[in-house]
């Protein structure tokens, strides 16, 4: 069974049919043709970076006359996009304001959609997950630094 990450658009009340299901796993097309796969998924900057990286690695290998190592260096970019391409898609959707509803386990995309709809109907009152709360660094430090001798000093106590 495959795992699908369910991403909901920012205004999910009026765009419930726009939910994106992104299969978590290796992308063979991303491995075979990385820049084209990235362009297909509207990852413009990532596609440009992949193209430039592959071109630079090919030129560098040719300039240093590395022989077979040149294509193998470009293969590293392909391998990265194949392994992390779906995570790049999820990160791009998060930057656009989408939020992660959760994950669904299913054999096919149609089954994942059905499971998502059934689960969303059983819990319609749940809101989007609360944003992560990052502690303030000012509260982590002691208010006053006292003289410290030894290993068991308690800050703020004389």
Protein backbone atom coordinates (compact mmCIF):
# COMPACT_ATOMS: atom_id res chain seq x y z
CA UNK A 1 0.00 0.00 0.00
CA UNK A 2 1.10 3.52 -0.73
CA UNK A 3 0.97 6.53 1.56
CA UNK A 4 -0.62 9.71 0.23
CA UNK A 5 -0.11 13.08 1.91
CA UNK A 6 -3.36 15.05 1.78
CA UNK A 7 -2.89 18.79 1.27
CA UNK A 8 -5.86 21.17 1.55
CA UNK A 9 -5.96 24.62 -0.07
CA UNK A 10 -5.98 27.79 2.05
CA UNK A 11 -9.73 28.47 1.65
CA UNK A 12 -10.79 24.85 2.01
CA UNK A 13 -14.47 25.64 2.70
CA UNK A 14 -15.06 26.91 -0.83
CA UNK A 15 -12.42 24.72 -2.59
CA UNK A 16 -12.91 21.29 -1.09
CA UNK A 17 -12.55 19.66 -4.52
CA UNK A 18 -9.07 21.16 -4.91
CA UNK A 19 -7.47 18.82 -2.36
CA UNK A 20 -4.09 17.51 -3.51
CA UNK A 21 -2.97 13.92 -2.91
CA UNK A 22 0.79 13.52 -3.12
CA UNK A 23 2.13 10.00 -3.09
CA UNK A 24 5.02 9.63 -0.71
CA UNK A 25 7.79 7.61 -2.28
CA UNK A 26 10.27 7.40 -5.13
CA UNK A 27 9.35 9.21 -8.34
CA UNK A 28 10.61 7.38 -11.40
CA UNK A 29 9.82 10.21 -13.81
CA UNK A 30 11.56 12.61 -11.44
CA UNK A 31 14.58 10.33 -11.60
CA UNK A 32 14.57 9.93 -15.39
CA UNK A 33 13.88 13.55 -16.42
CA UNK A 34 14.29 15.78 -13.35
CA UNK A 35 13.91 19.28 -14.86
CA UNK A 36 10.86 18.29 -16.92
CA UNK A 37 9.22 16.56 -13.96
CA UNK A 38 9.80 19.63 -11.79
CA UNK A 39 8.38 21.91 -14.48
CA UNK A 40 5.32 19.66 -14.85
CA UNK A 41 4.62 20.12 -11.14
CA UNK A 42 5.18 23.91 -11.35
CA UNK A 43 8.37 23.91 -9.31
CA UNK A 44 10.02 26.57 -11.45
CA UNK A 45 12.94 27.51 -9.23
CA UNK A 46 13.75 23.89 -8.39
CA UNK A 47 13.66 22.99 -12.10
CA UNK A 48 16.04 25.81 -12.95
CA UNK A 49 18.40 24.77 -10.16
CA UNK A 50 18.32 21.12 -11.26
CA UNK A 51 19.02 22.11 -14.87
CA UNK A 52 21.90 24.39 -13.88
CA UNK A 53 23.35 21.78 -11.52
CA UNK A 54 23.22 19.06 -14.18
CA UNK A 55 24.76 21.38 -16.79
CA UNK A 56 27.54 22.54 -14.45
CA UNK A 57 28.37 18.98 -13.45
CA UNK A 58 28.52 17.91 -17.11
CA UNK A 59 30.74 20.86 -18.08
CA UNK A 60 32.98 20.31 -15.06
CA UNK A 61 33.35 16.62 -15.86
CA UNK A 62 34.17 17.39 -19.47
CA UNK A 63 36.66 20.11 -18.52
CA UNK A 64 38.43 17.81 -16.10
CA UNK A 65 38.09 14.88 -18.56
CA UNK A 66 36.62 12.60 -15.91
CA UNK A 67 35.20 10.16 -18.47
CA UNK A 68 32.43 8.00 -16.99
CA UNK A 69 32.34 10.01 -13.76
CA UNK A 70 30.67 12.94 -15.59
CA UNK A 71 27.35 11.25 -16.26
CA UNK A 72 27.48 9.72 -12.79
CA UNK A 73 27.74 13.20 -11.27
CA UNK A 74 24.61 14.27 -13.15
CA UNK A 75 22.97 11.10 -11.93
CA UNK A 76 23.24 12.49 -8.38
CA UNK A 77 20.84 15.30 -9.28
CA UNK A 78 18.46 12.79 -10.82
CA UNK A 79 18.65 10.60 -7.75
CA UNK A 80 17.94 13.55 -5.46
CA UNK A 81 14.85 14.59 -7.45
CA UNK A 82 13.66 10.98 -7.57
CA UNK A 83 13.98 10.59 -3.81
CA UNK A 84 12.94 14.07 -2.63
CA UNK A 85 10.73 15.31 -5.46
CA UNK A 86 7.47 14.65 -3.63
CA UNK A 87 8.78 16.44 -0.54
CA UNK A 88 9.66 19.41 -2.75
CA UNK A 89 6.05 19.45 -3.99
CA UNK A 90 4.71 19.39 -0.43
CA UNK A 91 7.06 22.21 0.61
CA UNK A 92 5.95 24.31 -2.38
CA UNK A 93 2.30 23.85 -1.45
CA UNK A 94 3.05 24.85 2.15
CA UNK A 95 4.73 28.03 0.91
CA UNK A 96 1.55 28.82 -1.04
CA UNK A 97 -0.57 28.57 2.11
CA UNK A 98 -1.84 25.00 1.83
CA UNK A 99 -1.91 22.93 5.00
CA UNK A 100 -1.39 19.24 5.56
CA UNK A 101 -4.61 17.46 6.52
CA UNK A 102 -2.88 14.17 7.21
CA UNK A 103 -1.94 10.96 5.45
CA UNK A 104 -4.05 8.28 3.85
CA UNK A 105 -2.96 4.74 3.11
CA UNK A 106 -4.37 3.27 -0.09
CA UNK A 107 -3.46 1.19 -3.13
CA UNK A 108 -4.56 3.77 -5.71
CA UNK A 109 -5.32 7.47 -5.88
CA UNK A 110 -9.06 6.81 -6.19
CA UNK A 111 -9.04 4.77 -3.00
CA UNK A 112 -7.08 7.50 -1.21
CA UNK A 113 -9.67 10.08 -2.29
CA UNK A 114 -12.51 7.88 -1.03
CA UNK A 115 -10.82 7.29 2.31
CA UNK A 116 -10.15 10.99 2.71
CA UNK A 117 -13.78 11.91 1.99
CA UNK A 118 -15.09 9.30 4.42
CA UNK A 119 -12.69 10.42 7.15
CA UNK A 120 -13.45 14.11 6.56
CA UNK A 121 -17.21 13.39 6.82
CA UNK A 122 -16.82 11.63 10.16
CA UNK A 123 -14.85 14.57 11.64
CA UNK A 124 -16.26 17.71 9.96
CA UNK A 125 -15.89 19.97 13.00
CA UNK A 126 -12.11 19.60 13.24
CA UNK A 127 -10.23 22.74 12.35
CA UNK A 128 -6.82 23.04 10.77
CA UNK A 129 -3.99 21.98 13.06
CA UNK A 130 -2.75 24.72 15.35
CA UNK A 131 0.48 26.41 14.26
CA UNK A 132 3.63 25.27 15.97
CA UNK A 133 4.54 27.36 18.94
CA UNK A 134 8.20 28.18 19.08
CA UNK A 135 9.39 29.19 22.55
CA UNK A 136 10.78 32.67 22.94
CA UNK A 137 14.55 32.61 23.45
CA UNK A 138 14.34 35.49 25.94
CA UNK A 139 12.35 33.30 28.34
CA UNK A 140 14.87 30.49 28.08
CA UNK A 141 17.73 32.54 29.54
CA UNK A 142 17.88 33.38 33.22
CA UNK A 143 17.05 36.96 34.15
CA UNK A 144 20.35 37.48 36.03
CA UNK A 145 23.59 35.69 35.85
CA UNK A 146 25.12 35.10 39.26
CA UNK A 147 28.59 33.97 40.15
CA UNK A 148 29.00 30.34 39.24
CA UNK A 149 31.41 28.08 41.08
CA UNK A 150 31.20 24.36 40.57
CA UNK A 151 28.83 22.29 38.46
CA UNK A 152 25.63 22.70 40.44
CA UNK A 153 24.97 26.44 40.13
CA UNK A 154 21.35 27.54 39.92
CA UNK A 155 21.05 30.78 37.92
CA UNK A 156 19.35 33.65 39.75
CA UNK A 157 20.20 32.31 43.21
CA UNK A 158 23.12 33.79 45.13
